[in-house]
Amino acid sequence: MLGRLGLIIPSSNTTMEPEFYKLLHSHFSIHTARMRLKEVTVESLARMEEGVEEESLKLKDAQVEVIAYGCTSGSLIKGVGHDKAIVEKIEKCCRIPAVATAKAVIDALKVIGAKKLAVATPYIDEINSLEKEFLTENSFEMVDFKSLKIKENIAIGKLTPKDAYQLVMELDFKEADAIFISCTNFPTIEIIEKLENQTGKPVISSNTATLWGMLKKYTGEKPEIRGYGVLLTSIMR
């Protein structure tokens, strides 16, 4: 029987599901709930979160084994602890293990021993400022931080892995311990291993971190995932 993973994502996210299916092959089925979001702004993200419990219960009806709140910015805009509060809200209403992307990112970066980060995002400045603050308050130092300044989430999903690659290569990552590519709607997985080989740094995306976090909480047999970066390769260890 296939394992069942549940995702709660913005309605305009067109990247997370396809990337998860590529990463997992045929090991799991993915079941998705969507919350209305068109623009990646603080106001829109806060409004979107109001539906988290209802959407979590819908996924519970499908008997998923882990639920992820698949939105990086949406799980950090209220500062340190916002990510944990979302996880607690889902687990309290559903009694199912949960992950929030921002918390998964923090946990993954700590597991690989990163303290200094080079960060690439597609976000506008109001979101970038909050992400920098969130990462700094979680004890990370920003070596460099670059963004594409895109507000419309559907436009973010229309970016390509090549766009992510080019943005990362513009970063000054020499002093960084790791590179983080933020946003679950930013297509990245095809270029993560290439970036690791070229930069000599671990590269974590919002989606690889989220899946890593979900598999850590999944109690069944872990899949072997290779070719998408050191973080997911480590899941079997």
Protein backbone atom coordinates (compact mmCIF):
# COMPACT_ATOMS: atom_id res chain seq x y z
CA MET A 1 0.00 0.00 0.00
CA LEU A 2 1.29 3.45 -0.90
CA GLY A 3 2.08 5.92 1.83
CA ARG A 4 -0.15 8.99 1.80
CA LEU A 5 1.18 12.51 2.21
CA GLY A 6 -1.02 15.57 2.54
CA LEU A 7 -0.15 19.05 1.29
CA ILE A 8 -1.84 22.35 2.10
CA ILE A 9 -0.72 24.84 -0.52
CA PRO A 10 -1.72 28.22 -1.96
CA SER A 11 -4.32 27.91 -4.72
CA SER A 12 -1.88 29.44 -7.22
CA ASN A 13 0.98 27.04 -6.42
CA THR A 14 1.73 25.00 -9.55
CA THR A 15 5.15 23.63 -8.54
CA MET A 16 5.03 21.74 -5.25
CA GLU A 17 2.90 18.79 -6.36
CA PRO A 18 4.85 18.08 -9.59
CA GLU A 19 8.17 18.34 -7.73
CA PHE A 20 7.00 15.98 -4.99
CA TYR A 21 5.92 13.39 -7.55
CA LYS A 22 9.33 13.62 -9.26
CA LEU A 23 11.13 13.27 -5.95
CA LEU A 24 9.03 10.39 -4.67
CA HIS A 25 8.49 8.45 -7.91
CA SER A 26 5.85 5.83 -7.08
CA HIS A 27 6.49 5.47 -3.35
CA PHE A 28 3.66 7.75 -2.15
CA SER A 29 0.40 9.28 -3.23
CA ILE A 30 0.08 13.04 -2.73
CA HIS A 31 -3.23 14.54 -1.60
CA THR A 32 -3.59 18.29 -1.79
CA ALA A 33 -5.81 20.94 -0.23
CA ARG A 34 -5.68 24.51 -1.54
CA MET A 35 -6.20 27.86 0.14
CA ARG A 36 -6.96 30.95 -1.93
CA LEU A 37 -3.90 33.10 -2.69
CA LYS A 38 -3.00 35.13 -5.76
CA GLU A 39 -0.33 37.56 -4.52
CA VAL A 40 2.55 36.86 -2.15
CA THR A 41 1.99 39.74 0.26
CA VAL A 42 1.75 39.82 4.04
CA GLU A 43 -1.96 40.64 3.93
CA SER A 44 -2.79 37.82 1.49
CA LEU A 45 -0.69 35.25 3.32
CA ALA A 46 -2.25 36.08 6.68
CA ARG A 47 -5.74 35.79 5.22
CA MET A 48 -4.87 32.49 3.57
CA GLU A 49 -3.80 30.95 6.89
CA GLU A 50 -7.30 31.38 8.30
CA GLY A 51 -8.36 28.27 6.40
CA VAL A 52 -5.65 25.95 7.67
CA GLU A 53 -7.76 23.93 10.09
CA GLU A 54 -10.60 23.32 7.64
CA GLU A 55 -8.19 22.19 4.93
CA SER A 56 -6.32 19.98 7.41
CA LEU A 57 -9.54 18.20 8.31
CA LYS A 58 -10.23 17.54 4.63
CA LEU A 59 -6.85 15.84 4.37
CA LYS A 60 -7.61 13.85 7.50
CA ASP A 61 -10.65 12.47 5.67
CA ALA A 62 -8.23 11.04 3.08
CA GLN A 63 -6.30 9.34 5.91
CA VAL A 64 -3.00 10.96 5.06
CA GLU A 65 -0.12 10.09 7.37
CA VAL A 66 1.68 13.45 7.47
CA ILE A 67 0.42 16.95 6.59
CA ALA A 68 2.60 19.80 5.36
CA TYR A 69 1.71 23.48 5.32
CA GLY A 70 3.51 24.06 2.04
CA CYS A 71 4.24 27.77 2.04
CA THR A 72 7.55 29.25 3.13
CA SER A 73 6.61 32.90 3.50
CA GLY A 74 3.17 32.01 4.85
CA SER A 75 4.75 30.13 7.76
CA LEU A 76 7.22 32.84 8.81
CA ILE A 77 5.57 36.25 8.33
CA LYS A 78 4.62 36.53 12.00
CA GLY A 79 8.18 35.94 13.16
CA VAL A 80 9.89 33.30 15.27
CA GLY A 81 7.42 30.69 16.44
CA HIS A 82 4.95 31.25 13.60
CA ASP A 83 6.07 28.02 11.93
CA LYS A 84 5.67 26.05 15.15
CA ALA A 85 2.24 27.58 15.82
CA ILE A 86 0.96 26.37 12.45
CA VAL A 87 2.27 22.86 13.13
CA GLU A 88 0.59 22.83 16.53
CA LYS A 89 -2.70 24.06 15.05
CA ILE A 90 -2.77 21.26 12.47
CA GLU A 91 -1.75 18.55 14.89
CA LYS A 92 -4.28 19.68 17.49
CA CYS A 93 -7.24 19.63 15.12
CA CYS A 94 -6.27 16.47 13.19
CA ARG A 95 -4.08 14.35 15.47
CA ILE A 96 -1.79 13.82 12.48
CA PRO A 97 1.94 14.67 12.41
CA ALA A 98 2.49 17.99 10.65
CA VAL A 99 5.25 20.08 9.11
CA ALA A 100 5.39 23.76 8.16
CA THR A 101 7.84 24.67 5.41
CA ALA A 102 9.63 27.42 7.35
CA LYS A 103 10.26 25.09 10.29
CA ALA A 104 11.42 22.30 7.99
CA VAL A 105 13.91 24.70 6.42
CA ILE A 106 15.29 25.73 9.82
CA ASP A 107 15.56 22.11 10.96
CA ALA A 108 17.23 21.02 7.72
CA LEU A 109 19.79 23.83 7.83
CA LYS A 110 20.66 22.95 11.41
CA VAL A 111 21.03 19.25 10.57
CA ILE A 112 23.62 20.01 7.91
CA GLY A 113 25.43 22.33 10.31
CA ALA A 114 24.84 25.57 8.41
CA LYS A 115 25.25 28.90 10.20
CA LYS A 116 26.03 31.26 7.34
CA LEU A 117 23.56 31.37 4.43
CA ALA A 118 23.32 32.65 0.89
CA VAL A 119 19.62 33.00 0.09
CA ALA A 120 17.72 33.31 -3.20
CA THR A 121 14.00 34.17 -3.33
CA PRO A 122 11.40 35.27 -5.88
CA TYR A 123 9.70 37.58 -3.33
CA ILE A 124 8.99 41.29 -3.08
CA ASP A 125 10.84 43.38 -0.50
CA GLU A 126 8.20 43.23 2.27
CA ILE A 127 8.45 39.43 2.31
CA ASN A 128 12.22 39.43 1.92
CA SER A 129 12.58 41.66 4.99
CA LEU A 130 10.50 39.29 7.09
CA GLU A 131 12.38 36.25 5.83
CA LYS A 132 15.75 37.84 6.66
CA GLU A 133 14.48 38.67 10.13
CA PHE A 134 13.10 35.16 10.64
CA LEU A 135 16.35 33.49 9.59
CA THR A 136 18.47 35.88 11.65
CA GLU A 137 16.35 35.33 14.75
CA ASN A 138 16.79 31.60 14.25
CA SER A 139 20.56 32.18 14.60
CA PHE A 140 21.58 32.23 10.94
CA GLU A 141 23.84 34.86 9.38
CA MET A 142 23.01 36.18 5.91
CA VAL A 143 26.14 36.20 3.75
CA ASP A 144 24.12 37.31 0.71
CA PHE A 145 20.45 37.59 -0.22
CA LYS A 146 19.01 38.16 -3.71
CA SER A 147 15.44 38.20 -5.01
CA LEU A 148 13.43 38.52 -8.20
CA LYS A 149 10.81 40.83 -6.60
CA ILE A 150 7.73 39.05 -7.99
CA LYS A 151 4.36 39.57 -6.29
CA GLU A 152 2.01 37.35 -8.35
CA ASN A 153 2.32 33.74 -7.24
CA ILE A 154 1.24 32.33 -10.59
CA ALA A 155 4.17 34.22 -12.16
CA ILE A 156 6.56 32.62 -9.67
CA GLY A 157 5.32 29.19 -10.74
CA LYS A 158 6.05 30.07 -14.37
CA LEU A 159 9.73 30.56 -13.61
CA THR A 160 12.08 27.77 -14.64
CA PRO A 161 14.86 25.88 -12.86
CA LYS A 162 17.23 27.86 -15.10
CA ASP A 163 15.93 31.07 -13.48
CA ALA A 164 16.71 29.60 -10.06
CA TYR A 165 20.16 28.52 -11.23
CA GLN A 166 21.00 31.98 -12.59
CA LEU A 167 19.80 33.71 -9.42
CA VAL A 168 21.88 31.43 -7.20
CA MET A 169 24.97 31.92 -9.32
CA GLU A 170 24.62 35.69 -8.82
CA LEU A 171 24.94 35.18 -5.06
CA ASP A 172 28.20 35.74 -3.22
CA PHE A 173 28.25 32.31 -1.57
CA LYS A 174 31.98 31.85 -0.93
CA GLU A 175 31.66 32.37 2.85
CA ALA A 176 28.30 30.60 3.14
CA ASP A 177 27.88 27.19 4.74
CA ALA A 178 24.79 26.49 2.61
CA ILE A 179 22.56 27.97 -0.08
CA PHE A 180 18.82 28.22 0.47
CA ILE A 181 16.35 28.73 -2.40
CA SER A 182 13.08 29.92 -0.87
CA CYS A 183 9.45 29.43 -2.01
CA THR A 184 7.53 26.21 -2.59
CA ASN A 185 6.32 27.59 -5.95
CA PHE A 186 9.83 28.31 -7.30
CA PRO A 187 10.86 25.39 -9.59
CA THR A 188 14.27 24.20 -8.42
CA ILE A 189 14.79 20.48 -8.02
CA GLU A 190 16.34 19.82 -11.44
CA ILE A 191 19.28 22.12 -10.71
CA ILE A 192 19.99 21.41 -7.02
CA GLU A 193 22.60 18.71 -7.55
CA LYS A 194 24.23 20.72 -10.36
CA LEU A 195 24.47 23.73 -8.04
CA GLU A 196 25.97 21.63 -5.26
CA ASN A 197 28.60 20.29 -7.63
CA GLN A 198 29.47 23.74 -8.99
CA THR A 199 29.40 25.70 -5.73
CA GLY A 200 30.71 23.04 -3.35
CA LYS A 201 27.87 23.99 -0.96
CA PRO A 202 24.78 22.10 0.24
CA VAL A 203 21.72 23.51 -1.55
CA ILE A 204 18.32 23.33 0.10
CA SER A 205 15.04 24.41 -1.47
CA SER A 206 11.73 24.96 0.27
CA ASN A 207 10.38 21.80 -1.33
CA THR A 208 13.34 19.53 -0.55
CA ALA A 209 13.27 20.76 3.06
CA THR A 210 9.52 20.23 3.35
CA LEU A 211 9.67 16.70 1.96
CA TRP A 212 12.65 15.91 4.20
CA GLY A 213 10.65 17.14 7.20
CA MET A 214 7.63 15.06 6.23
CA LEU A 215 9.66 11.89 5.73
CA LYS A 216 11.28 12.40 9.13
CA LYS A 217 7.80 12.22 10.66
CA TYR A 218 6.61 9.39 8.43
CA THR A 219 6.71 6.11 10.35
CA GLY A 220 6.77 3.75 7.38
CA GLU A 221 9.66 2.71 5.15
CA LYS A 222 11.69 5.66 3.90
CA PRO A 223 12.26 5.94 0.14
CA GLU A 224 15.74 6.25 -1.31
CA ILE A 225 16.04 9.64 -3.04
CA ARG A 226 19.14 10.41 -5.08
CA GLY A 227 20.08 13.13 -7.55
CA TYR A 228 18.35 16.01 -5.76
CA GLY A 229 20.90 17.15 -3.22
CA VAL A 230 22.61 15.95 -0.08
CA LEU A 231 19.66 16.68 2.22
CA LEU A 232 17.31 14.14 0.64
CA THR A 233 20.10 11.64 0.09
CA SER A 234 20.56 11.64 3.87
CA ILE A 235 16.97 10.62 4.63
CA MET A 236 17.90 6.90 4.70
CA ARG A 237 20.70 7.41 7.23
